[in-house]
PDB file of N, CA and C in Angstrom:
ATOM      1  N   MET A   1     -28.217  61.883 -53.790  1.00  0.00           N
ATOM      2  CA  MET A   1     -29.065  61.514 -54.910  1.00  0.00           C
ATOM      3  C   MET A   1     -28.208  60.889 -55.996  1.00  0.00           C
ATOM      4  N   ARG A   2     -28.616  59.754 -56.472  1.00  0.00           N
ATOM      5  CA  ARG A   2     -27.842  59.013 -57.473  1.00  0.00           C
ATOM      6  C   ARG A   2     -28.389  59.299 -58.862  1.00  0.00           C
ATOM      7  N   HIS A   3     -27.515  59.683 -59.772  1.00  0.00           N
ATOM      8  CA  HIS A   3     -27.915  59.933 -61.150  1.00  0.00           C
ATOM      9  C   HIS A   3     -28.084  58.624 -61.898  1.00  0.00           C
ATOM     10  N   GLU A   4     -28.914  58.647 -62.942  1.00  0.00           N
ATOM     11  CA  GLU A   4     -29.173  57.444 -63.721  1.00  0.00           C
ATOM     12  C   GLU A   4     -27.937  56.985 -64.484  1.00  0.00           C
ATOM     13  N   ASN A   5     -27.066  57.893 -64.846  1.00  0.00           N
ATOM     14  CA  ASN A   5     -25.880  57.536 -65.622  1.00  0.00           C
ATOM     15  C   ASN A   5     -24.650  57.369 -64.738  1.00  0.00           C
ATOM     16  N   ASP A   6     -24.857  57.205 -63.446  1.00  0.00           N
ATOM     17  CA  ASP A   6     -23.751  56.995 -62.517  1.00  0.00           C
ATOM     18  C   ASP A   6     -23.155  55.612 -62.761  1.00  0.00           C
ATOM     19  N   HIS A   7     -21.849  55.532 -62.863  1.00  0.00           N
ATOM     20  CA  HIS A   7     -21.178  54.271 -63.183  1.00  0.00           C
ATOM     21  C   HIS A   7     -20.722  53.524 -61.932  1.00  0.00           C
ATOM     22  N   ALA A   8     -21.273  53.864 -60.786  1.00  0.00           N
ATOM     23  CA  ALA A   8     -20.789  53.279 -59.540  1.00  0.00           C
ATOM     24  C   ALA A   8     -21.187  51.824 -59.380  1.00  0.00           C
ATOM     25  N   ARG A   9     -22.362  51.424 -59.885  1.00  0.00           N
ATOM     26  CA  ARG A   9     -22.829  50.057 -59.678  1.00  0.00           C
ATOM     27  C   ARG A   9     -23.483  49.514 -60.936  1.00  0.00           C
ATOM     28  N   ASP A  10     -23.595  48.196 -61.001  1.00  0.00           N
ATOM     29  CA  ASP A  10     -24.322  47.560 -62.090  1.00  0.00           C
ATOM     30  C   ASP A  10     -25.781  47.356 -61.737  1.00  0.00           C
ATOM     31  N   ARG A  11     -26.111  47.417 -60.474  1.00  0.00           N
ATOM     32  CA  ARG A  11     -27.497  47.255 -60.021  1.00  0.00           C
ATOM     33  C   ARG A  11     -27.863  48.451 -59.159  1.00  0.00           C
ATOM     34  N   ASP A  12     -29.171  48.728 -59.086  1.00  0.00           N
ATOM     35  CA  ASP A  12     -29.574  49.856 -58.257  1.00  0.00           C
ATOM     36  C   ASP A  12     -29.580  49.458 -56.783  1.00  0.00           C
ATOM     37  N   HIS A  13     -29.965  50.365 -55.905  1.00  0.00           N
ATOM     38  CA  HIS A  13     -29.831  50.138 -54.471  1.00  0.00           C
ATOM     39  C   HIS A  13     -30.697  49.004 -53.938  1.00  0.00           C
ATOM     40  N   ASN A  14     -31.719  48.564 -54.682  1.00  0.00           N
ATOM     41  CA  ASN A  14     -32.548  47.442 -54.248  1.00  0.00           C
ATOM     42  C   ASN A  14     -32.025  46.109 -54.758  1.00  0.00           C
ATOM     43  N   GLY A  15     -30.960  46.090 -55.518  1.00  0.00           N
ATOM     44  CA  GLY A  15     -30.417  44.866 -56.067  1.00  0.00           C
ATOM     45  C   GLY A  15     -31.122  44.408 -57.332  1.00  0.00           C
ATOM     46  N   GLU A  16     -31.983  45.251 -57.896  1.00  0.00           N
ATOM     47  CA  GLU A  16     -32.715  44.892 -59.105  1.00  0.00           C
ATOM     48  C   GLU A  16     -31.889  45.219 -60.340  1.00  0.00           C
ATOM     49  N   ASP A  17     -32.211  44.548 -61.431  1.00  0.00           N
ATOM     50  CA  ASP A  17     -31.505  44.803 -62.686  1.00  0.00           C
ATOM     51  C   ASP A  17     -31.820  46.195 -63.209  1.00  0.00           C
ATOM     52  N   GLN A  18     -30.889  46.730 -63.963  1.00  0.00           N
ATOM     53  CA  GLN A  18     -31.058  48.035 -64.575  1.00  0.00           C
ATOM     54  C   GLN A  18     -32.022  47.937 -65.754  1.00  0.00           C
ATOM     55  N   PRO A  19     -32.751  49.014 -66.081  1.00  0.00           N
ATOM     56  CA  PRO A  19     -33.641  48.995 -67.247  1.00  0.00           C
ATOM     57  C   PRO A  19     -32.837  49.053 -68.543  1.00  0.00           C
ATOM     58  N   VAL A  20     -33.462  48.649 -69.654  1.00  0.00           N
ATOM     59  CA  VAL A  20     -32.785  48.669 -70.951  1.00  0.00           C
ATOM     60  C   VAL A  20     -32.586  50.105 -71.425  1.00  0.00           C
ATOM     61  N   PHE A  21     -33.583  50.957 -71.229  1.00  0.00           N
ATOM     62  CA  PHE A  21     -33.497  52.364 -71.631  1.00  0.00           C
ATOM     63  C   PHE A  21     -33.460  53.242 -70.393  1.00  0.00           C
ATOM     64  N   ILE A  22     -32.633  54.292 -70.437  1.00  0.00           N
ATOM     65  CA  ILE A  22     -32.594  55.275 -69.355  1.00  0.00           C
ATOM     66  C   ILE A  22     -32.641  56.663 -69.961  1.00  0.00           C
ATOM     67  N   ARG A  23     -33.103  57.623 -69.168  1.00  0.00           N
ATOM     68  CA  ARG A  23     -33.103  59.016 -69.625  1.00  0.00           C
ATOM     69  C   ARG A  23     -31.694  59.572 -69.563  1.00  0.00           C
ATOM     70  N   GLN A  24     -31.395  60.422 -70.537  1.00  0.00           N
ATOM     71  CA  GLN A  24     -30.110  61.091 -70.516  1.00  0.00           C
ATOM     72  C   GLN A  24     -30.053  62.024 -69.320  1.00  0.00           C
ATOM     73  N   ARG A  25     -28.885  62.256 -68.798  1.00  0.00           N
ATOM     74  CA  ARG A  25     -28.740  63.084 -67.604  1.00  0.00           C
ATOM     75  C   ARG A  25     -29.288  64.489 -67.828  1.00  0.00           C
ATOM     76  N   TYR A  26     -28.945  65.109 -68.930  1.00  0.00           N
ATOM     77  CA  TYR A  26     -29.425  66.456 -69.226  1.00  0.00           C
ATOM     78  C   TYR A  26     -30.239  66.393 -70.510  1.00  0.00           C
ATOM     79  N   GLY A  27     -31.537  66.398 -70.399  1.00  0.00           N
ATOM     80  CA  GLY A  27     -32.381  66.356 -71.574  1.00  0.00           C
ATOM     81  C   GLY A  27     -33.505  65.364 -71.419  1.00  0.00           C
ATOM     82  N   THR A  28     -34.245  65.202 -72.491  1.00  0.00           N
ATOM     83  CA  THR A  28     -35.408  64.327 -72.436  1.00  0.00           C
ATOM     84  C   THR A  28     -35.245  63.107 -73.325  1.00  0.00           C
ATOM     85  N   ARG A  29     -34.067  62.896 -73.890  1.00  0.00           N
ATOM     86  CA  ARG A  29     -33.840  61.731 -74.757  1.00  0.00           C
ATOM     87  C   ARG A  29     -33.677  60.467 -73.931  1.00  0.00           C
ATOM     88  N   TRP A  30     -34.088  59.360 -74.526  1.00  0.00           N
ATOM     89  CA  TRP A  30     -33.865  58.042 -73.931  1.00  0.00           C
ATOM     90  C   TRP A  30     -32.691  57.394 -74.652  1.00  0.00           C
ATOM     91  N   VAL A  31     -31.802  56.752 -73.909  1.00  0.00           N
ATOM     92  CA  VAL A  31     -30.634  56.105 -74.485  1.00  0.00           C
ATOM     93  C   VAL A  31     -30.543  54.670 -73.963  1.00  0.00           C
ATOM     94  N   TYR A  32     -29.781  53.835 -74.670  1.00  0.00           N
ATOM     95  CA  TYR A  32     -29.565  52.464 -74.228  1.00  0.00           C
ATOM     96  C   TYR A  32     -28.717  52.472 -72.969  1.00  0.00           C
ATOM     97  N   ASN A  33     -29.041  51.604 -72.035  1.00  0.00           N
ATOM     98  CA  ASN A  33     -28.286  51.482 -70.799  1.00  0.00           C
ATOM     99  C   ASN A  33     -27.197  50.430 -71.005  1.00  0.00           C
ATOM    100  N   HIS A  34     -25.945  50.840 -70.978  1.00  0.00           N
ATOM    101  CA  HIS A  34     -24.839  49.914 -71.223  1.00  0.00           C
ATOM    102  C   HIS A  34     -24.612  48.948 -70.066  1.00  0.00           C
ATOM    103  N   ARG A  35     -25.235  49.184 -68.918  1.00  0.00           N
ATOM    104  CA  ARG A  35     -25.089  48.281 -67.774  1.00  0.00           C
ATOM    105  C   ARG A  35     -26.075  47.119 -67.821  1.00  0.00           C
ATOM    106  N   ASN A  36     -27.022  47.149 -68.748  1.00  0.00           N
ATOM    107  CA  ASN A  36     -27.957  46.045 -68.935  1.00  0.00           C
ATOM    108  C   ASN A  36     -27.455  45.206 -70.110  1.00  0.00           C
ATOM    109  N   PRO A  37     -27.444  43.882 -70.010  1.00  0.00           N
ATOM    110  CA  PRO A  37     -26.922  43.051 -71.102  1.00  0.00           C
ATOM    111  C   PRO A  37     -27.679  43.255 -72.424  1.00  0.00           C
ATOM    112  N   VAL A  38     -29.000  43.441 -72.352  1.00  0.00           N
ATOM    113  CA  VAL A  38     -29.782  43.671 -73.569  1.00  0.00           C
ATOM    114  C   VAL A  38     -29.433  45.033 -74.165  1.00  0.00           C
ATOM    115  N   GLY A  39     -29.283  46.052 -73.322  1.00  0.00           N
ATOM    116  CA  GLY A  39     -28.897  47.373 -73.800  1.00  0.00           C
ATOM    117  C   GLY A  39     -27.516  47.363 -74.446  1.00  0.00           C
ATOM    118  N   LEU A  40     -26.597  46.633 -73.855  1.00  0.00           N
ATOM    119  CA  LEU A  40     -25.252  46.525 -74.417  1.00  0.00           C
ATOM    120  C   LEU A  40     -25.279  45.817 -75.766  1.00  0.00           C
ATOM    121  N   ALA A  41     -26.097  44.770 -75.882  1.00  0.00           N
ATOM    122  CA  ALA A  41     -26.233  44.067 -77.161  1.00  0.00           C
ATOM    123  C   ALA A  41     -26.829  44.992 -78.217  1.00  0.00           C
ATOM    124  N   LEU A  42     -27.820  45.798 -77.835  1.00  0.00           N
ATOM    125  CA  LEU A  42     -28.421  46.738 -78.789  1.00  0.00           C
ATOM    126  C   LEU A  42     -27.416  47.795 -79.242  1.00  0.00           C
ATOM    127  N   ILE A  43     -26.570  48.249 -78.328  1.00  0.00           N
ATOM    128  CA  ILE A  43     -25.538  49.226 -78.686  1.00  0.00           C
ATOM    129  C   ILE A  43     -24.613  48.647 -79.751  1.00  0.00           C
ATOM    130  N   MET A  44     -24.335  47.352 -79.674  1.00  0.00           N
ATOM    131  CA  MET A  44     -23.415  46.725 -80.621  1.00  0.00           C
ATOM    132  C   MET A  44     -24.105  46.320 -81.923  1.00  0.00           C
ATOM    133  N   ILE A  45     -25.370  45.901 -81.865  1.00  0.00           N
ATOM    134  CA  ILE A  45     -26.059  45.366 -83.044  1.00  0.00           C
ATOM    135  C   ILE A  45     -26.637  46.457 -83.942  1.00  0.00           C
ATOM    136  N   VAL A  46     -27.215  47.499 -83.365  1.00  0.00           N
ATOM    137  CA  VAL A  46     -27.908  48.526 -84.162  1.00  0.00           C
ATOM    138  C   VAL A  46     -26.992  49.195 -85.187  1.00  0.00           C
ATOM    139  N   PRO A  47     -25.778  49.630 -84.837  1.00  0.00           N
ATOM    140  CA  PRO A  47     -24.926  50.245 -85.870  1.00  0.00           C
ATOM    141  C   PRO A  47     -24.547  49.268 -86.987  1.00  0.00           C
ATOM    142  N   ILE A  48     -24.338  48.003 -86.644  1.00  0.00           N
ATOM    143  CA  ILE A  48     -23.987  47.006 -87.666  1.00  0.00           C
ATOM    144  C   ILE A  48     -25.137  46.823 -88.646  1.00  0.00           C
ATOM    145  N   VAL A  49     -26.356  46.731 -88.131  1.00  0.00           N
ATOM    146  CA  VAL A  49     -27.534  46.580 -88.989  1.00  0.00           C
ATOM    147  C   VAL A  49     -27.737  47.826 -89.849  1.00  0.00           C
ATOM    148  N   ALA A  50     -27.554  49.009 -89.271  1.00  0.00           N
ATOM    149  CA  ALA A  50     -27.723  50.253 -90.023  1.00  0.00           C
ATOM    150  C   ALA A  50     -26.697  50.365 -91.151  1.00  0.00           C
ATOM    151  N   ILE A  51     -25.450  50.043 -90.877  1.00  0.00           N
ATOM    152  CA  ILE A  51     -24.412  50.100 -91.910  1.00  0.00           C
ATOM    153  C   ILE A  51     -24.703  49.075 -93.004  1.00  0.00           C
ATOM    154  N   GLY A  52     -25.132  47.875 -92.619  1.00  0.00           N
ATOM    155  CA  GLY A  52     -25.492  46.856 -93.605  1.00  0.00           C
ATOM    156  C   GLY A  52     -26.645  47.302 -94.491  1.00  0.00           C
ATOM    157  N   ALA A  53     -27.652  47.939 -93.904  1.00  0.00           N
ATOM    158  CA  ALA A  53     -28.779  48.430 -94.688  1.00  0.00           C
ATOM    159  C   ALA A  53     -28.338  49.521 -95.661  1.00  0.00           C
ATOM    160  N   LEU A  54     -27.474  50.413 -95.223  1.00  0.00           N
ATOM    161  CA  LEU A  54     -26.963  51.464 -96.107  1.00  0.00           C
ATOM    162  C   LEU A  54     -26.156  50.875 -97.262  1.00  0.00           C
ATOM    163  N   LEU A  55     -25.343  49.883 -96.963  1.00  0.00           N
ATOM    164  CA  LEU A  55     -24.560  49.256 -98.025  1.00  0.00           C
ATOM    165  C   LEU A  55     -25.463  48.545 -99.036  1.00  0.00           C
ATOM    166  N   LEU A  56     -26.503  47.881 -98.559  1.00  0.00           N
ATOM    167  CA  LEU A  56     -27.432  47.212 -99.472  1.00  0.00           C
ATOM    168  C   LEU A  56     -28.182  48.235-100.333  1.00  0.00           C
ATOM    169  N   MET A  57     -28.522  49.370 -99.774  1.00  0.00           N
ATOM    170  CA  MET A  57     -29.232  50.391-100.562  1.00  0.00           C
ATOM    171  C   MET A  57     -28.320  50.990-101.631  1.00  0.00           C
ATOM    172  N   THR A  58     -27.045  51.171-101.310  1.00  0.00           N
ATOM    173  CA  THR A  58     -26.150  51.772-102.313  1.00  0.00           C
ATOM    174  C   THR A  58     -25.833  50.811-103.444  1.00  0.00           C
ATOM    175  N   ARG A  59     -25.917  49.513-103.193  1.00  0.00           N
ATOM    176  CA  ARG A  59     -25.641  48.527-104.227  1.00  0.00           C
ATOM    177  C   ARG A  59     -26.882  48.132-105.011  1.00  0.00           C
ATOM    178  N   GLY A  60     -28.032  48.676-104.659  1.00  0.00           N
ATOM    179  CA  GLY A  60     -29.262  48.389-105.397  1.00  0.00           C
ATOM    180  C   GLY A  60     -29.863  47.044-105.093  1.00  0.00           C
ATOM    181  N   ALA A  61     -29.536  46.461-103.964  1.00  0.00           N
ATOM    182  CA  ALA A  61     -30.062  45.148-103.612  1.00  0.00           C
ATOM    183  C   ALA A  61     -31.500  45.228-103.116  1.00  0.00           C
ATOM    184  N   GLY A  62     -31.993  46.408-102.865  1.00  0.00           N
ATOM    185  CA  GLY A  62     -33.332  46.559-102.331  1.00  0.00           C
ATOM    186  C   GLY A  62     -34.410  46.559-103.403  1.00  0.00           C
ATOM    187  N   ARG A  63     -34.072  46.400-104.676  1.00  0.00           N
ATOM    188  CA  ARG A  63     -35.070  46.448-105.740  1.00  0.00           C
ATOM    189  C   ARG A  63     -35.794  45.171-105.901  1.00  0.00           C
TER     190      ARG A  63
END
């Protein structure tokens, strides 16, 4: 049985692309799939946007 977070392949056994979101191995949370190009882009973009939003809020630019 192959786990969803197994790093053995970039594609599943049918040769299809990986989904953007996958379930965490232990738990019910959904996480970005780093093996999908869109998921990898989201992993890189979301923290940058969040930090930028926090910086704008601390400087009062949101008024």
